[in-house]
Amino acid sequence: MTTTETEKPELERQLREAFPDLTDDDFGYHATDLYVRWSAPVREWLRKNYRWNSNITGFTSQLDGKPWLDIPFAGYWPKHPKH
């Protein structure tokens, strides 16, 4: 199943618009969290533009050994069948 741009989480769409060079490899998800590969420009944009910036944490990926940002509740939300 492929995901269209309109199905991507809002914050991911905003980051892709602000940073057109970001690719699918720069994003990941865990439950409802959005993961974004760390870069100084992305981190600064989030500080200035993301209301819940103080909730963002960083981690080093066990897959690629690079720093990533964990943005809680900014990823995919499961759709409830009655909504």
Protein backbone atom coordinates (compact mmCIF):
# COMPACT_ATOMS: atom_id res chain seq x y z
CA MET A 1 0.00 0.00 0.00
CA THR A 2 1.43 3.35 -0.98
CA THR A 3 0.74 6.58 0.81
CA THR A 4 -0.22 9.68 -1.11
CA GLU A 5 1.08 13.09 -0.10
CA THR A 6 -2.35 14.09 1.23
CA GLU A 7 -2.38 11.04 3.54
CA LYS A 8 0.95 11.95 5.13
CA PRO A 9 0.85 13.60 8.55
CA GLU A 10 0.47 17.38 8.46
CA LEU A 11 3.84 18.14 10.07
CA GLU A 12 5.61 15.88 7.58
CA ARG A 13 3.91 17.72 4.70
CA GLN A 14 5.01 21.06 6.18
CA LEU A 15 8.61 19.87 6.54
CA ARG A 16 8.66 18.54 2.98
CA GLU A 17 7.39 21.90 1.75
CA ALA A 18 10.00 23.81 3.76
CA PHE A 19 12.80 21.38 2.79
CA PRO A 20 12.15 19.95 -0.69
CA ASP A 21 15.32 17.84 -0.53
CA LEU A 22 13.88 15.63 2.23
CA THR A 23 12.99 12.15 0.98
CA ASP A 24 11.00 9.25 2.36
CA ASP A 25 14.28 7.99 3.85
CA ASP A 26 14.36 11.08 6.09
CA PHE A 27 11.10 10.13 7.81
CA GLY A 28 9.93 7.25 9.93
CA TYR A 29 7.11 6.36 12.28
CA HIS A 30 6.59 4.51 15.52
CA ALA A 31 2.97 4.24 16.63
CA THR A 32 1.74 7.86 16.54
CA ASP A 33 5.22 9.43 16.63
CA LEU A 34 6.90 11.00 13.62
CA TYR A 35 10.64 10.45 13.23
CA VAL A 36 12.69 12.93 11.19
CA ARG A 37 16.39 12.62 10.43
CA TRP A 38 18.16 15.38 12.37
CA SER A 39 19.69 18.34 10.59
CA ALA A 40 20.41 21.80 11.96
CA PRO A 41 18.02 23.56 9.53
CA VAL A 42 15.17 21.14 10.28
CA ARG A 43 15.72 21.47 14.03
CA GLU A 44 15.73 25.27 13.79
CA TRP A 45 12.56 25.27 11.67
CA LEU A 46 10.82 23.13 14.28
CA ARG A 47 11.95 25.47 17.08
CA LYS A 48 10.44 28.43 15.24
CA ASN A 49 7.34 26.85 13.73
CA TYR A 50 6.18 23.85 15.75
CA ARG A 51 3.97 24.66 18.72
CA TRP A 52 4.98 21.58 20.72
CA ASN A 53 8.71 21.90 20.02
CA SER A 54 9.57 21.32 23.68
CA ASN A 55 8.21 17.75 23.42
CA ILE A 56 10.68 16.75 20.70
CA THR A 57 13.47 14.42 21.75
CA GLY A 58 16.47 13.07 19.92
CA PHE A 59 17.90 9.60 19.55
CA THR A 60 20.56 7.75 17.60
CA SER A 61 19.10 5.25 15.16
CA GLN A 62 20.17 1.64 15.65
CA LEU A 63 19.61 1.17 11.90
CA ASP A 64 21.81 3.90 10.44
CA GLY A 65 23.72 5.23 13.47
CA LYS A 66 22.56 8.78 12.70
CA PRO A 67 20.71 11.27 14.90
CA TRP A 68 16.94 11.49 14.51
CA LEU A 69 14.18 13.54 16.08
CA ASP A 70 11.18 11.88 17.75
CA ILE A 71 8.10 14.09 17.50
CA PRO A 72 5.33 12.65 19.68
CA PHE A 73 1.80 12.44 18.30
CA ALA A 74 2.77 13.93 14.92
CA GLY A 75 2.73 10.67 12.95
CA TYR A 76 -0.09 8.52 11.70
CA TRP A 77 -3.21 8.14 13.79
CA PRO A 78 -5.27 5.00 13.32
CA LYS A 79 -8.71 5.68 11.93
CA HIS A 80 -11.53 4.46 14.09
CA PRO A 81 -14.12 2.65 11.96
CA LYS A 82 -16.98 4.75 13.41
CA HIS A 83 -15.34 8.13 12.73
